[in-house]
Amino acid sequence: MEWYWWVLIVVGVLGLGYLKLKLFSKMTKKPKNQDHQDED
């Protein structure tokens, strides 16, 4: 594999991990009674 494939893989994995952390922190901070309003 060329070196840039490894760079793309690393960037992709780090990006996904960052998005997961952001979503997880959003979910944990949000009060539970607002979850039902978002589904509508």
Protein backbone atom coordinates (compact mmCIF):
# COMPACT_ATOMS: atom_id res chain seq x y z
CA MET A 1 0.00 0.00 0.00
CA GLU A 2 1.14 3.54 -0.69
CA TRP A 3 1.87 5.83 2.25
CA TYR A 4 -1.12 8.06 1.57
CA TRP A 5 -3.52 5.16 2.10
CA TRP A 6 -2.22 4.82 5.65
CA VAL A 7 -2.66 8.57 6.14
CA LEU A 8 -6.26 8.38 4.88
CA ILE A 9 -7.01 5.42 7.15
CA VAL A 10 -5.57 7.15 10.23
CA VAL A 11 -7.44 10.39 9.48
CA GLY A 12 -10.68 8.47 8.95
CA VAL A 13 -10.35 6.50 12.19
CA LEU A 14 -9.49 9.62 14.18
CA GLY A 15 -12.39 11.49 12.58
CA LEU A 16 -14.87 8.73 13.42
CA GLY A 17 -13.58 8.50 16.98
CA TYR A 18 -13.92 12.27 17.38
CA LEU A 19 -17.50 12.23 16.06
CA LYS A 20 -18.40 9.34 18.37
CA LEU A 21 -17.03 11.23 21.38
CA LYS A 22 -18.99 14.36 20.44
CA LEU A 23 -22.22 12.40 19.96
CA PHE A 24 -21.67 10.45 23.20
CA SER A 25 -21.08 13.63 25.23
CA LYS A 26 -24.21 15.19 23.67
CA MET A 27 -26.31 12.16 24.62
CA THR A 28 -25.04 12.05 28.19
CA LYS A 29 -25.52 15.79 28.82
CA LYS A 30 -29.07 15.92 27.41
CA PRO A 31 -31.90 15.52 29.94
CA LYS A 32 -33.84 12.32 29.36
CA ASN A 33 -37.25 14.01 29.02
CA GLN A 34 -36.10 15.78 25.83
CA ASP A 35 -35.27 12.51 24.03
CA HIS A 36 -38.94 11.87 23.22
CA GLN A 37 -39.40 15.34 21.71
CA ASP A 38 -36.51 14.76 19.28
CA GLU A 39 -38.11 11.56 17.91
CA ASP A 40 -41.13 13.51 16.59
